[in-house]
């Protein structure tokens, strides 16, 4: 299920939504090593908290199938690179760059994130 967030009450931070930054949730709302889906400005985004203050945001749409499932993907790593594997066909993507390690030609859209006063913000 994708959560629809009212950004008006949360839209705080240094740049605000006008510069593409959108407040999504508090960092403690994200369970470590687990994906969550959010609808941000009409776009489905998958969020992953991999550390106390490390959050990644990628497109929720699986590039191989078009299904909106990436928040249910499997977190892992390739060397020192954090990865997400599609829950459908297990294509493995770099969480930072979106590069697909398993299927040349595929890539996953990634988005910049930051944490401002405990609030996760995503730049679209």
C-alpha atoms as a PDB file:
ATOM      1  CA  UNK A   1       0.000   0.000   0.000  1.00  0.00           C
ATOM      2  CA  UNK A   2       1.295   3.472  -0.837  1.00  0.00           C
ATOM      3  CA  UNK A   3       0.829   6.171   1.772  1.00  0.00           C
ATOM      4  CA  UNK A   4      -0.426   9.533   0.553  1.00  0.00           C
ATOM      5  CA  UNK A   5       1.151  12.325   2.556  1.00  0.00           C
ATOM      6  CA  UNK A   6      -0.153  15.849   3.018  1.00  0.00           C
ATOM      7  CA  UNK A   7       3.021  17.836   2.584  1.00  0.00           C
ATOM      8  CA  UNK A   8       1.669  21.212   3.665  1.00  0.00           C
ATOM      9  CA  UNK A   9       2.083  20.588   7.378  1.00  0.00           C
ATOM     10  CA  UNK A  10       5.445  18.871   6.946  1.00  0.00           C
ATOM     11  CA  UNK A  11       6.995  21.122   4.308  1.00  0.00           C
ATOM     12  CA  UNK A  12       9.739  22.603   6.414  1.00  0.00           C
ATOM     13  CA  UNK A  13      13.471  22.742   6.011  1.00  0.00           C
ATOM     14  CA  UNK A  14      16.017  24.994   4.421  1.00  0.00           C
ATOM     15  CA  UNK A  15      14.835  24.928   0.819  1.00  0.00           C
ATOM     16  CA  UNK A  16      11.247  23.708   1.023  1.00  0.00           C
ATOM     17  CA  UNK A  17       9.138  22.125  -1.705  1.00  0.00           C
ATOM     18  CA  UNK A  18       9.706  25.073  -4.056  1.00  0.00           C
ATOM     19  CA  UNK A  19      13.256  23.829  -4.705  1.00  0.00           C
ATOM     20  CA  UNK A  20      12.176  20.216  -5.103  1.00  0.00           C
ATOM     21  CA  UNK A  21      12.694  19.090  -1.497  1.00  0.00           C
ATOM     22  CA  UNK A  22       9.683  17.374   0.053  1.00  0.00           C
ATOM     23  CA  UNK A  23       9.316  16.404   3.706  1.00  0.00           C
ATOM     24  CA  UNK A  24       8.116  12.807   3.923  1.00  0.00           C
ATOM     25  CA  UNK A  25       8.284  11.453   7.476  1.00  0.00           C
ATOM     26  CA  UNK A  26      10.367  11.362  10.628  1.00  0.00           C
ATOM     27  CA  UNK A  27      13.482   9.207  10.297  1.00  0.00           C
ATOM     28  CA  UNK A  28      12.359   7.065  13.255  1.00  0.00           C
ATOM     29  CA  UNK A  29       9.151   6.247  11.316  1.00  0.00           C
ATOM     30  CA  UNK A  30      11.271   4.173   8.911  1.00  0.00           C
ATOM     31  CA  UNK A  31      12.203   0.736  10.187  1.00  0.00           C
ATOM     32  CA  UNK A  32      15.887  -0.054   9.532  1.00  0.00           C
ATOM     33  CA  UNK A  33      16.518  -2.480   6.639  1.00  0.00           C
ATOM     34  CA  UNK A  34      12.887  -2.299   5.518  1.00  0.00           C
ATOM     35  CA  UNK A  35      11.317  -0.463   2.571  1.00  0.00           C
ATOM     36  CA  UNK A  36       8.367   1.910   2.663  1.00  0.00           C
ATOM     37  CA  UNK A  37       6.461   3.445  -0.246  1.00  0.00           C
ATOM     38  CA  UNK A  38       5.342   7.068  -0.305  1.00  0.00           C
ATOM     39  CA  UNK A  39       3.463   9.188  -2.823  1.00  0.00           C
ATOM     40  CA  UNK A  40       5.406  12.439  -3.142  1.00  0.00           C
ATOM     41  CA  UNK A  41       4.090  15.137  -5.468  1.00  0.00           C
ATOM     42  CA  UNK A  42       2.289  12.475  -7.502  1.00  0.00           C
ATOM     43  CA  UNK A  43       5.330  10.181  -7.771  1.00  0.00           C
ATOM     44  CA  UNK A  44       5.625   6.777  -6.079  1.00  0.00           C
ATOM     45  CA  UNK A  45       8.941   6.582  -4.219  1.00  0.00           C
ATOM     46  CA  UNK A  46      10.485   3.723  -2.230  1.00  0.00           C
ATOM     47  CA  UNK A  47      12.398   4.721   0.920  1.00  0.00           C
ATOM     48  CA  UNK A  48      15.024   2.601   2.671  1.00  0.00           C
ATOM     49  CA  UNK A  49      16.669   3.352   6.003  1.00  0.00           C
ATOM     50  CA  UNK A  50      20.003   1.536   6.113  1.00  0.00           C
ATOM     51  CA  UNK A  51      21.497   3.218   9.178  1.00  0.00           C
ATOM     52  CA  UNK A  52      20.644   5.578  12.023  1.00  0.00           C
ATOM     53  CA  UNK A  53      20.798   8.586   9.698  1.00  0.00           C
ATOM     54  CA  UNK A  54      21.148   7.004   6.249  1.00  0.00           C
ATOM     55  CA  UNK A  55      18.066   6.945   4.012  1.00  0.00           C
ATOM     56  CA  UNK A  56      17.884   6.147   0.295  1.00  0.00           C
ATOM     57  CA  UNK A  57      15.039   7.016  -2.087  1.00  0.00           C
ATOM     58  CA  UNK A  58      14.407   5.318  -5.437  1.00  0.00           C
ATOM     59  CA  UNK A  59      11.508   4.991  -7.855  1.00  0.00           C
ATOM     60  CA  UNK A  60       8.926   2.518  -6.569  1.00  0.00           C
ATOM     61  CA  UNK A  61       8.439   1.245 -10.147  1.00  0.00           C
ATOM     62  CA  UNK A  62      10.464  -1.833 -11.102  1.00  0.00           C
ATOM     63  CA  UNK A  63      12.325  -0.902 -14.328  1.00  0.00           C
ATOM     64  CA  UNK A  64      12.089  -4.469 -15.674  1.00  0.00           C
ATOM     65  CA  UNK A  65       8.349  -5.029 -15.211  1.00  0.00           C
ATOM     66  CA  UNK A  66       6.726  -1.642 -14.594  1.00  0.00           C
ATOM     67  CA  UNK A  67       5.157  -2.948 -11.368  1.00  0.00           C
ATOM     68  CA  UNK A  68       5.257  -0.667  -8.333  1.00  0.00           C
ATOM     69  CA  UNK A  69       7.046  -3.054  -5.971  1.00  0.00           C
ATOM     70  CA  UNK A  70      10.552  -1.774  -5.208  1.00  0.00           C
ATOM     71  CA  UNK A  71       9.736  -0.903  -1.576  1.00  0.00           C
ATOM     72  CA  UNK A  72       9.329  -4.672  -1.071  1.00  0.00           C
ATOM     73  CA  UNK A  73      12.752  -5.379  -2.530  1.00  0.00           C
ATOM     74  CA  UNK A  74      15.621  -7.118  -0.783  1.00  0.00           C
ATOM     75  CA  UNK A  75      18.364  -4.905   0.662  1.00  0.00           C
ATOM     76  CA  UNK A  76      21.943  -6.064   0.300  1.00  0.00           C
ATOM     77  CA  UNK A  77      25.343  -4.929  -0.886  1.00  0.00           C
ATOM     78  CA  UNK A  78      27.855  -5.475  -3.645  1.00  0.00           C
ATOM     79  CA  UNK A  79      31.224  -4.822  -2.073  1.00  0.00           C
ATOM     80  CA  UNK A  80      30.759  -1.536  -0.234  1.00  0.00           C
ATOM     81  CA  UNK A  81      27.796  -0.479  -2.426  1.00  0.00           C
ATOM     82  CA  UNK A  82      24.287  -0.681  -0.897  1.00  0.00           C
ATOM     83  CA  UNK A  83      21.851  -2.476  -3.199  1.00  0.00           C
ATOM     84  CA  UNK A  84      18.186  -3.289  -3.656  1.00  0.00           C
ATOM     85  CA  UNK A  85      17.005  -6.404  -5.493  1.00  0.00           C
ATOM     86  CA  UNK A  86      13.629  -6.344  -7.206  1.00  0.00           C
ATOM     87  CA  UNK A  87      11.179  -8.636  -5.419  1.00  0.00           C
ATOM     88  CA  UNK A  88       9.933  -9.967  -8.777  1.00  0.00           C
ATOM     89  CA  UNK A  89      12.883 -11.043 -10.938  1.00  0.00           C
ATOM     90  CA  UNK A  90      15.708 -10.157  -8.521  1.00  0.00           C
ATOM     91  CA  UNK A  91      17.525  -7.593 -10.687  1.00  0.00           C
ATOM     92  CA  UNK A  92      20.052  -5.907  -8.384  1.00  0.00           C
ATOM     93  CA  UNK A  93      20.391  -2.095  -8.384  1.00  0.00           C
ATOM     94  CA  UNK A  94      22.855   0.260  -6.715  1.00  0.00           C
ATOM     95  CA  UNK A  95      20.866   2.327  -4.186  1.00  0.00           C
ATOM     96  CA  UNK A  96      23.078   5.382  -4.748  1.00  0.00           C
ATOM     97  CA  UNK A  97      23.317   5.470  -8.541  1.00  0.00           C
ATOM     98  CA  UNK A  98      20.485   3.235  -9.775  1.00  0.00           C
ATOM     99  CA  UNK A  99      22.894   1.178 -11.902  1.00  0.00           C
ATOM    100  CA  UNK A 100      21.651  -2.350 -12.520  1.00  0.00           C
ATOM    101  CA  UNK A 101      24.362  -4.900 -11.719  1.00  0.00           C
ATOM    102  CA  UNK A 102      22.513  -7.924 -13.082  1.00  0.00           C
ATOM    103  CA  UNK A 103      20.858  -6.735 -16.324  1.00  0.00           C
ATOM    104  CA  UNK A 104      22.746  -4.295 -18.577  1.00  0.00           C
ATOM    105  CA  UNK A 105      20.600  -1.479 -19.907  1.00  0.00           C
ATOM    106  CA  UNK A 106      18.282  -1.246 -16.906  1.00  0.00           C
ATOM    107  CA  UNK A 107      18.540   1.528 -14.339  1.00  0.00           C
ATOM    108  CA  UNK A 108      16.478   2.606 -11.362  1.00  0.00           C
ATOM    109  CA  UNK A 109      15.733   6.290 -10.767  1.00  0.00           C
ATOM    110  CA  UNK A 110      17.320   7.559  -7.548  1.00  0.00           C
ATOM    111  CA  UNK A 111      16.570  10.705  -5.568  1.00  0.00           C
ATOM    112  CA  UNK A 112      18.661  12.781  -3.178  1.00  0.00           C
ATOM    113  CA  UNK A 113      17.700  12.582   0.486  1.00  0.00           C
ATOM    114  CA  UNK A 114      18.554  14.535   3.593  1.00  0.00           C
ATOM    115  CA  UNK A 115      17.456  14.623   7.198  1.00  0.00           C
ATOM    116  CA  UNK A 116      16.522  18.024   8.632  1.00  0.00           C
ATOM    117  CA  UNK A 117      15.661  18.130  12.339  1.00  0.00           C
ATOM    118  CA  UNK A 118      14.805  14.417  12.239  1.00  0.00           C
ATOM    119  CA  UNK A 119      12.581  14.767   9.156  1.00  0.00           C
ATOM    120  CA  UNK A 120      13.407  12.794   6.001  1.00  0.00           C
ATOM    121  CA  UNK A 121      13.298  14.985   2.902  1.00  0.00           C
ATOM    122  CA  UNK A 122      13.455  13.799  -0.704  1.00  0.00           C
ATOM    123  CA  UNK A 123      14.371  15.959  -3.690  1.00  0.00           C
ATOM    124  CA  UNK A 124      12.333  15.242  -6.830  1.00  0.00           C
END
